[in-house]
Amino acid sequence: MSGKTVLIVDDEPAIREMIAVALEMADYHCMEAADAREAHALIIDKQPDIILLDWMLPGTSGIELARRLKKEETTADVPIIMLTAKVEEDNKIRGLEVGADDYITKPFSPRELVARLKAVLRRATPPGIDSPIEVDGLILDPSSHRVTANDTSLNIGPTEYRLLQFFMTHQERVYTRSQLLDQVWGGNVYVEERTVDVHIRRLRKALGEQHDYLIQTVRGAGYRFSTQPA
């Protein structure tokens, strides 16, 4: 995990410095930006492995920058951890809705931050399958990291891709939210179970009307991937 580059986006120099010191001690390279414009230029130019993004920034907010990054093809796969002093549930969900991979509330300890960072970076494509899987015209190809539906390429975020890959290789079985968190996010990740619902919604939307039926909600239990009627 060492040698990864982290972009720290926060308008407070003292916070950027505190984070940079902690991360450099853990063997990460750090870049810093004080606002969204500077951050966007660095992301395009230097392509960091992960972004720590403050919610409240002067000018364009962190949430707006996150939304923009997730919409652009070249930056859509870069993991984002939102940093914020806001603790309300709504903001947490909003952060996840625009595509943030995790969420950490100030004040936080450097140790907790490093643990979260490692967990997000560790969520690579699960091992075990390298040949394409096809279900009812929906094809997931791990070698190209692409999903197509009847020869049309689908725009699927990195977390939704991992979720779909897990489902397509574990069909017809019901998984609880907690099991999905373990399998797709990794067992020691600080993510709430409601996060699963957010990503399931986004995955269904990405699959479109033609294939959203494959992901079934099983009341009181969790979710199942199945070609059979629910």
C-alpha atoms as a PDB file:
ATOM      1  CA  MET A   1       0.000   0.000   0.000  1.00  0.00           C
ATOM      2  CA  SER A   2       2.990   2.304   0.404  1.00  0.00           C
ATOM      3  CA  GLY A   3       3.852   4.870  -2.217  1.00  0.00           C
ATOM      4  CA  LYS A   4       0.228   5.790  -2.974  1.00  0.00           C
ATOM      5  CA  THR A   5      -0.483   9.463  -3.618  1.00  0.00           C
ATOM      6  CA  VAL A   6      -3.127  11.265  -1.575  1.00  0.00           C
ATOM      7  CA  LEU A   7      -4.571  14.667  -2.487  1.00  0.00           C
ATOM      8  CA  ILE A   8      -5.650  16.616   0.612  1.00  0.00           C
ATOM      9  CA  VAL A   9      -8.257  19.279  -0.213  1.00  0.00           C
ATOM     10  CA  ASP A  10      -8.965  21.631   2.716  1.00  0.00           C
ATOM     11  CA  ASP A  11      -8.895  25.417   3.005  1.00  0.00           C
ATOM     12  CA  GLU A  12      -7.259  25.300   6.455  1.00  0.00           C
ATOM     13  CA  PRO A  13      -3.456  24.977   6.162  1.00  0.00           C
ATOM     14  CA  ALA A  14      -3.134  23.610   9.729  1.00  0.00           C
ATOM     15  CA  ILE A  15      -5.514  20.731   8.965  1.00  0.00           C
ATOM     16  CA  ARG A  16      -3.737  19.953   5.677  1.00  0.00           C
ATOM     17  CA  GLU A  17      -0.411  19.897   7.487  1.00  0.00           C
ATOM     18  CA  MET A  18      -1.704  17.661  10.305  1.00  0.00           C
ATOM     19  CA  ILE A  19      -3.092  15.171   7.758  1.00  0.00           C
ATOM     20  CA  ALA A  20       0.039  15.293   5.578  1.00  0.00           C
ATOM     21  CA  VAL A  21       2.334  14.571   8.534  1.00  0.00           C
ATOM     22  CA  ALA A  22       0.220  11.566   9.591  1.00  0.00           C
ATOM     23  CA  LEU A  23       0.033  10.168   6.058  1.00  0.00           C
ATOM     24  CA  GLU A  24       3.693  10.680   5.248  1.00  0.00           C
ATOM     25  CA  MET A  25       4.597   8.781   8.431  1.00  0.00           C
ATOM     26  CA  ALA A  26       2.423   5.958   7.055  1.00  0.00           C
ATOM     27  CA  ASP A  27       4.416   6.064   3.781  1.00  0.00           C
ATOM     28  CA  TYR A  28       1.967   7.937   1.537  1.00  0.00           C
ATOM     29  CA  HIS A  29       2.897  10.756  -0.836  1.00  0.00           C
ATOM     30  CA  CYS A  30       0.798  13.881  -0.264  1.00  0.00           C
ATOM     31  CA  MET A  31      -0.342  16.754  -2.438  1.00  0.00           C
ATOM     32  CA  GLU A  32      -2.360  19.687  -1.108  1.00  0.00           C
ATOM     33  CA  ALA A  33      -5.029  22.021  -2.476  1.00  0.00           C
ATOM     34  CA  ALA A  34      -6.891  24.854  -0.725  1.00  0.00           C
ATOM     35  CA  ASP A  35      -9.934  25.016  -3.017  1.00  0.00           C
ATOM     36  CA  ALA A  36     -11.873  23.088  -5.661  1.00  0.00           C
ATOM     37  CA  ARG A  37     -10.229  24.772  -8.669  1.00  0.00           C
ATOM     38  CA  GLU A  38      -6.693  24.034  -7.478  1.00  0.00           C
ATOM     39  CA  ALA A  39      -7.764  20.489  -6.551  1.00  0.00           C
ATOM     40  CA  HIS A  40      -9.331  19.800  -9.954  1.00  0.00           C
ATOM     41  CA  ALA A  41      -6.181  20.964 -11.770  1.00  0.00           C
ATOM     42  CA  LEU A  42      -3.994  18.669  -9.607  1.00  0.00           C
ATOM     43  CA  ILE A  43      -6.344  15.709 -10.099  1.00  0.00           C
ATOM     44  CA  ILE A  44      -6.252  16.057 -13.897  1.00  0.00           C
ATOM     45  CA  ASP A  45      -2.516  16.715 -13.965  1.00  0.00           C
ATOM     46  CA  LYS A  46      -1.143  14.381 -11.284  1.00  0.00           C
ATOM     47  CA  GLN A  47      -3.840  11.680 -11.004  1.00  0.00           C
ATOM     48  CA  PRO A  48      -3.736  10.930  -7.244  1.00  0.00           C
ATOM     49  CA  ASP A  49      -4.727   7.461  -5.984  1.00  0.00           C
ATOM     50  CA  ILE A  50      -7.263   8.860  -3.511  1.00  0.00           C
ATOM     51  CA  ILE A  51      -8.729  12.244  -2.518  1.00  0.00           C
ATOM     52  CA  LEU A  52      -9.451  13.533   1.005  1.00  0.00           C
ATOM     53  CA  LEU A  53     -12.028  16.217   0.312  1.00  0.00           C
ATOM     54  CA  ASP A  54     -13.355  18.765   2.789  1.00  0.00           C
ATOM     55  CA  TRP A  55     -17.111  19.363   2.558  1.00  0.00           C
ATOM     56  CA  MET A  56     -16.879  23.128   3.176  1.00  0.00           C
ATOM     57  CA  LEU A  57     -14.581  24.859   0.694  1.00  0.00           C
ATOM     58  CA  PRO A  58     -14.495  28.498  -0.459  1.00  0.00           C
ATOM     59  CA  GLY A  59     -16.235  28.950  -3.823  1.00  0.00           C
ATOM     60  CA  THR A  60     -17.196  25.523  -5.161  1.00  0.00           C
ATOM     61  CA  SER A  61     -18.071  23.185  -2.274  1.00  0.00           C
ATOM     62  CA  GLY A  62     -16.452  19.798  -1.753  1.00  0.00           C
ATOM     63  CA  ILE A  63     -19.730  18.047  -2.548  1.00  0.00           C
ATOM     64  CA  GLU A  64     -19.981  19.886  -5.898  1.00  0.00           C
ATOM     65  CA  LEU A  65     -16.398  18.935  -6.744  1.00  0.00           C
ATOM     66  CA  ALA A  66     -17.113  15.295  -5.844  1.00  0.00           C
ATOM     67  CA  ARG A  67     -20.183  15.332  -8.106  1.00  0.00           C
ATOM     68  CA  ARG A  68     -18.150  16.759 -10.974  1.00  0.00           C
ATOM     69  CA  LEU A  69     -15.307  14.247 -10.543  1.00  0.00           C
ATOM     70  CA  LYS A  70     -17.708  11.288 -10.545  1.00  0.00           C
ATOM     71  CA  LYS A  71     -19.374  12.539 -13.755  1.00  0.00           C
ATOM     72  CA  GLU A  72     -16.122  12.891 -15.704  1.00  0.00           C
ATOM     73  CA  GLU A  73     -14.864   9.655 -17.200  1.00  0.00           C
ATOM     74  CA  THR A  74     -11.189  10.352 -16.486  1.00  0.00           C
ATOM     75  CA  THR A  75     -11.783  10.970 -12.758  1.00  0.00           C
ATOM     76  CA  ALA A  76     -14.850   8.813 -12.002  1.00  0.00           C
ATOM     77  CA  ASP A  77     -12.813   5.934 -10.537  1.00  0.00           C
ATOM     78  CA  VAL A  78     -10.684   7.986  -8.122  1.00  0.00           C
ATOM     79  CA  PRO A  79     -11.815   7.134  -4.557  1.00  0.00           C
ATOM     80  CA  ILE A  80     -13.014  10.055  -2.427  1.00  0.00           C
ATOM     81  CA  ILE A  81     -13.236  10.319   1.366  1.00  0.00           C
ATOM     82  CA  MET A  82     -15.282  13.342   2.493  1.00  0.00           C
ATOM     83  CA  LEU A  83     -13.977  15.288   5.507  1.00  0.00           C
ATOM     84  CA  THR A  84     -16.578  17.280   7.380  1.00  0.00           C
ATOM     85  CA  ALA A  85     -17.646  18.786  10.661  1.00  0.00           C
ATOM     86  CA  LYS A  86     -21.284  18.051   9.786  1.00  0.00           C
ATOM     87  CA  VAL A  87     -22.702  14.992  11.502  1.00  0.00           C
ATOM     88  CA  GLU A  88     -26.320  15.060  10.319  1.00  0.00           C
ATOM     89  CA  GLU A  89     -27.529  11.908   8.572  1.00  0.00           C
ATOM     90  CA  ASP A  90     -28.742  13.887   5.522  1.00  0.00           C
ATOM     91  CA  ASN A  91     -25.275  15.152   4.724  1.00  0.00           C
ATOM     92  CA  LYS A  92     -23.798  11.703   5.148  1.00  0.00           C
ATOM     93  CA  ILE A  93     -26.269  10.269   2.643  1.00  0.00           C
ATOM     94  CA  ARG A  94     -25.737  13.226   0.268  1.00  0.00           C
ATOM     95  CA  GLY A  95     -22.007  12.582   0.307  1.00  0.00           C
ATOM     96  CA  LEU A  96     -22.546   8.928  -0.561  1.00  0.00           C
ATOM     97  CA  GLU A  97     -25.175   9.767  -3.192  1.00  0.00           C
ATOM     98  CA  VAL A  98     -22.702  11.836  -5.222  1.00  0.00           C
ATOM     99  CA  GLY A  99     -20.219   8.975  -5.114  1.00  0.00           C
ATOM    100  CA  ALA A 100     -17.985   9.476  -2.057  1.00  0.00           C
ATOM    101  CA  ASP A 101     -16.463   6.169  -0.953  1.00  0.00           C
ATOM    102  CA  ASP A 102     -16.367   7.016   2.737  1.00  0.00           C
ATOM    103  CA  TYR A 103     -17.023   9.764   5.207  1.00  0.00           C
ATOM    104  CA  ILE A 104     -15.026  10.952   8.210  1.00  0.00           C
ATOM    105  CA  THR A 105     -16.202  13.574  10.698  1.00  0.00           C
ATOM    106  CA  LYS A 106     -13.881  16.162  12.261  1.00  0.00           C
ATOM    107  CA  PRO A 107     -12.244  16.005  14.681  1.00  0.00           C
ATOM    108  CA  PHE A 108     -10.669  12.651  13.831  1.00  0.00           C
ATOM    109  CA  SER A 109      -7.464  10.966  14.935  1.00  0.00           C
ATOM    110  CA  PRO A 110      -4.655  10.507  12.400  1.00  0.00           C
ATOM    111  CA  ARG A 111      -4.779   6.781  13.193  1.00  0.00           C
ATOM    112  CA  GLU A 112      -8.449   6.537  12.262  1.00  0.00           C
ATOM    113  CA  LEU A 113      -7.831   8.472   9.046  1.00  0.00           C
ATOM    114  CA  VAL A 114      -4.987   6.162   7.986  1.00  0.00           C
ATOM    115  CA  ALA A 115      -7.156   3.108   8.735  1.00  0.00           C
ATOM    116  CA  ARG A 116     -10.032   4.477   6.611  1.00  0.00           C
ATOM    117  CA  LEU A 117      -7.668   5.371   3.805  1.00  0.00           C
ATOM    118  CA  LYS A 118      -6.148   1.893   3.726  1.00  0.00           C
ATOM    119  CA  ALA A 119      -9.585   0.306   3.745  1.00  0.00           C
ATOM    120  CA  VAL A 120     -10.819   2.361   0.780  1.00  0.00           C
ATOM    121  CA  LEU A 121      -7.626   1.714  -1.212  1.00  0.00           C
ATOM    122  CA  ARG A 122      -7.825  -2.012  -0.459  1.00  0.00           C
ATOM    123  CA  ARG A 123     -11.199  -2.369  -2.167  1.00  0.00           C
ATOM    124  CA  ALA A 124      -9.750  -3.507  -5.461  1.00  0.00           C
ATOM    125  CA  THR A 125     -11.473  -5.892  -7.844  1.00  0.00           C
ATOM    126  CA  PRO A 126     -12.022  -9.140  -5.939  1.00  0.00           C
ATOM    127  CA  PRO A 127      -9.816 -12.006  -7.106  1.00  0.00           C
ATOM    128  CA  GLY A 128     -11.169 -15.217  -8.537  1.00  0.00           C
ATOM    129  CA  ILE A 129     -12.759 -14.377 -11.869  1.00  0.00           C
ATOM    130  CA  ASP A 130     -11.139 -13.151 -15.038  1.00  0.00           C
ATOM    131  CA  SER A 131     -13.489 -14.415 -17.743  1.00  0.00           C
ATOM    132  CA  PRO A 132     -16.636 -12.484 -18.752  1.00  0.00           C
ATOM    133  CA  ILE A 133     -19.950 -13.410 -17.075  1.00  0.00           C
ATOM    134  CA  GLU A 134     -23.216 -13.083 -18.962  1.00  0.00           C
ATOM    135  CA  VAL A 135     -26.767 -13.020 -17.567  1.00  0.00           C
ATOM    136  CA  ASP A 136     -29.741 -12.235 -19.814  1.00  0.00           C
ATOM    137  CA  GLY A 137     -27.725  -9.998 -22.160  1.00  0.00           C
ATOM    138  CA  LEU A 138     -25.846  -8.300 -19.304  1.00  0.00           C
ATOM    139  CA  ILE A 139     -22.092  -8.921 -19.603  1.00  0.00           C
ATOM    140  CA  LEU A 140     -19.415  -8.079 -17.032  1.00  0.00           C
ATOM    141  CA  ASP A 141     -15.854  -8.359 -18.347  1.00  0.00           C
ATOM    142  CA  PRO A 142     -13.217  -8.208 -15.554  1.00  0.00           C
ATOM    143  CA  SER A 143     -10.276  -7.923 -17.969  1.00  0.00           C
ATOM    144  CA  SER A 144     -11.565  -4.656 -19.476  1.00  0.00           C
ATOM    145  CA  HIS A 145     -13.504  -3.647 -16.329  1.00  0.00           C
ATOM    146  CA  ARG A 146     -16.564  -3.000 -18.526  1.00  0.00           C
ATOM    147  CA  VAL A 147     -20.244  -3.805 -18.209  1.00  0.00           C
ATOM    148  CA  THR A 148     -22.455  -3.985 -21.302  1.00  0.00           C
ATOM    149  CA  ALA A 149     -26.171  -4.579 -21.735  1.00  0.00           C
ATOM    150  CA  ASN A 150     -27.101  -5.973 -25.160  1.00  0.00           C
ATOM    151  CA  ASP A 151     -23.873  -4.531 -26.638  1.00  0.00           C
ATOM    152  CA  THR A 152     -24.420  -1.081 -25.073  1.00  0.00           C
ATOM    153  CA  SER A 153     -21.734   0.030 -22.588  1.00  0.00           C
ATOM    154  CA  LEU A 154     -23.105   0.966 -19.147  1.00  0.00           C
ATOM    155  CA  ASN A 155     -21.727   3.793 -16.989  1.00  0.00           C
ATOM    156  CA  ILE A 156     -21.124   2.087 -13.634  1.00  0.00           C
ATOM    157  CA  GLY A 157     -19.097   3.517 -10.729  1.00  0.00           C
ATOM    158  CA  PRO A 158     -16.292   1.490  -9.086  1.00  0.00           C
ATOM    159  CA  THR A 159     -18.296   0.451  -6.003  1.00  0.00           C
ATOM    160  CA  GLU A 160     -21.330  -0.500  -8.110  1.00  0.00           C
ATOM    161  CA  TYR A 161     -19.018  -2.523 -10.374  1.00  0.00           C
ATOM    162  CA  ARG A 162     -17.663  -4.519  -7.410  1.00  0.00           C
ATOM    163  CA  LEU A 163     -21.195  -5.030  -6.105  1.00  0.00           C
ATOM    164  CA  LEU A 164     -22.394  -6.285  -9.492  1.00  0.00           C
ATOM    165  CA  GLN A 165     -19.361  -8.538  -9.870  1.00  0.00           C
ATOM    166  CA  PHE A 166     -20.036 -10.080  -6.471  1.00  0.00           C
ATOM    167  CA  PHE A 167     -23.730 -10.581  -7.289  1.00  0.00           C
ATOM    168  CA  MET A 168     -23.060 -12.102 -10.713  1.00  0.00           C
ATOM    169  CA  THR A 169     -20.611 -14.607  -9.214  1.00  0.00           C
ATOM    170  CA  HIS A 170     -22.964 -15.413  -6.280  1.00  0.00           C
ATOM    171  CA  GLN A 171     -26.394 -15.729  -7.861  1.00  0.00           C
ATOM    172  CA  GLU A 172     -29.666 -16.895  -6.289  1.00  0.00           C
ATOM    173  CA  ARG A 173     -28.538 -16.439  -2.684  1.00  0.00           C
ATOM    174  CA  VAL A 174     -29.809 -13.805  -0.260  1.00  0.00           C
ATOM    175  CA  TYR A 175     -27.121 -11.616   1.338  1.00  0.00           C
ATOM    176  CA  THR A 176     -27.694  -9.317   4.290  1.00  0.00           C
ATOM    177  CA  ARG A 177     -26.352  -5.753   4.195  1.00  0.00           C
ATOM    178  CA  SER A 178     -23.689  -6.721   6.665  1.00  0.00           C
ATOM    179  CA  GLN A 179     -22.567  -9.680   4.509  1.00  0.00           C
ATOM    180  CA  LEU A 180     -22.413  -7.420   1.456  1.00  0.00           C
ATOM    181  CA  LEU A 181     -20.316  -4.901   3.410  1.00  0.00           C
ATOM    182  CA  ASP A 182     -17.886  -7.689   4.336  1.00  0.00           C
ATOM    183  CA  GLN A 183     -17.701  -9.132   0.816  1.00  0.00           C
ATOM    184  CA  VAL A 184     -17.679  -5.958  -1.283  1.00  0.00           C
ATOM    185  CA  TRP A 185     -16.287  -3.253   1.007  1.00  0.00           C
ATOM    186  CA  GLY A 186     -14.021  -5.422   3.163  1.00  0.00           C
ATOM    187  CA  GLY A 187     -14.600  -6.630   6.712  1.00  0.00           C
ATOM    188  CA  ASN A 188     -12.863  -3.874   8.632  1.00  0.00           C
ATOM    189  CA  VAL A 189     -14.262  -0.864   6.785  1.00  0.00           C
ATOM    190  CA  TYR A 190     -16.019   1.891   8.738  1.00  0.00           C
ATOM    191  CA  VAL A 191     -19.143   2.010   6.583  1.00  0.00           C
ATOM    192  CA  GLU A 192     -22.761   1.990   7.734  1.00  0.00           C
ATOM    193  CA  GLU A 193     -25.218  -0.612   6.489  1.00  0.00           C
ATOM    194  CA  ARG A 194     -27.358   2.104   4.890  1.00  0.00           C
ATOM    195  CA  THR A 195     -24.488   2.693   2.487  1.00  0.00           C
ATOM    196  CA  VAL A 196     -25.389  -0.622   0.852  1.00  0.00           C
ATOM    197  CA  ASP A 197     -28.904   0.671   0.060  1.00  0.00           C
ATOM    198  CA  VAL A 198     -27.466   3.802  -1.546  1.00  0.00           C
ATOM    199  CA  HIS A 199     -25.185   1.783  -3.830  1.00  0.00           C
ATOM    200  CA  ILE A 200     -27.902  -0.768  -4.651  1.00  0.00           C
ATOM    201  CA  ARG A 201     -30.123   2.123  -5.821  1.00  0.00           C
ATOM    202  CA  ARG A 202     -27.324   3.512  -7.942  1.00  0.00           C
ATOM    203  CA  LEU A 203     -26.551   0.086  -9.413  1.00  0.00           C
ATOM    204  CA  ARG A 204     -30.203  -0.490 -10.354  1.00  0.00           C
ATOM    205  CA  LYS A 205     -30.320   2.930 -11.980  1.00  0.00           C
ATOM    206  CA  ALA A 206     -27.133   2.179 -13.951  1.00  0.00           C
ATOM    207  CA  LEU A 207     -28.493  -1.184 -15.110  1.00  0.00           C
ATOM    208  CA  GLY A 208     -31.642   0.509 -16.415  1.00  0.00           C
ATOM    209  CA  GLU A 209     -35.161  -0.861 -16.809  1.00  0.00           C
ATOM    210  CA  GLN A 210     -33.932  -3.777 -18.873  1.00  0.00           C
ATOM    211  CA  HIS A 211     -31.858  -5.376 -16.105  1.00  0.00           C
ATOM    212  CA  ASP A 212     -32.718  -3.713 -12.767  1.00  0.00           C
ATOM    213  CA  TYR A 213     -35.057  -6.649 -12.002  1.00  0.00           C
ATOM    214  CA  LEU A 214     -31.997  -8.877 -11.461  1.00  0.00           C
ATOM    215  CA  ILE A 215     -31.274  -7.209  -8.112  1.00  0.00           C
ATOM    216  CA  GLN A 216     -34.119  -8.144  -5.796  1.00  0.00           C
ATOM    217  CA  THR A 217     -34.913  -6.767  -2.355  1.00  0.00           C
ATOM    218  CA  VAL A 218     -35.827  -9.531   0.077  1.00  0.00           C
ATOM    219  CA  ARG A 219     -37.869  -7.901   2.827  1.00  0.00           C
ATOM    220  CA  GLY A 220     -36.337  -8.212   6.277  1.00  0.00           C
ATOM    221  CA  ALA A 221     -33.345 -10.113   4.903  1.00  0.00           C
ATOM    222  CA  GLY A 222     -31.282  -8.234   2.320  1.00  0.00           C
ATOM    223  CA  TYR A 223     -30.671  -8.540  -1.403  1.00  0.00           C
ATOM    224  CA  ARG A 224     -30.452 -11.310  -3.986  1.00  0.00           C
ATOM    225  CA  PHE A 225     -29.275 -11.443  -7.618  1.00  0.00           C
ATOM    226  CA  SER A 226     -31.628 -13.696  -9.551  1.00  0.00           C
ATOM    227  CA  THR A 227     -33.119 -14.248 -13.000  1.00  0.00           C
ATOM    228  CA  GLN A 228     -36.160 -15.850 -11.343  1.00  0.00           C
ATOM    229  CA  PRO A 229     -39.175 -13.714 -10.361  1.00  0.00           C
ATOM    230  CA  ALA A 230     -38.931 -12.397  -6.788  1.00  0.00           C
END
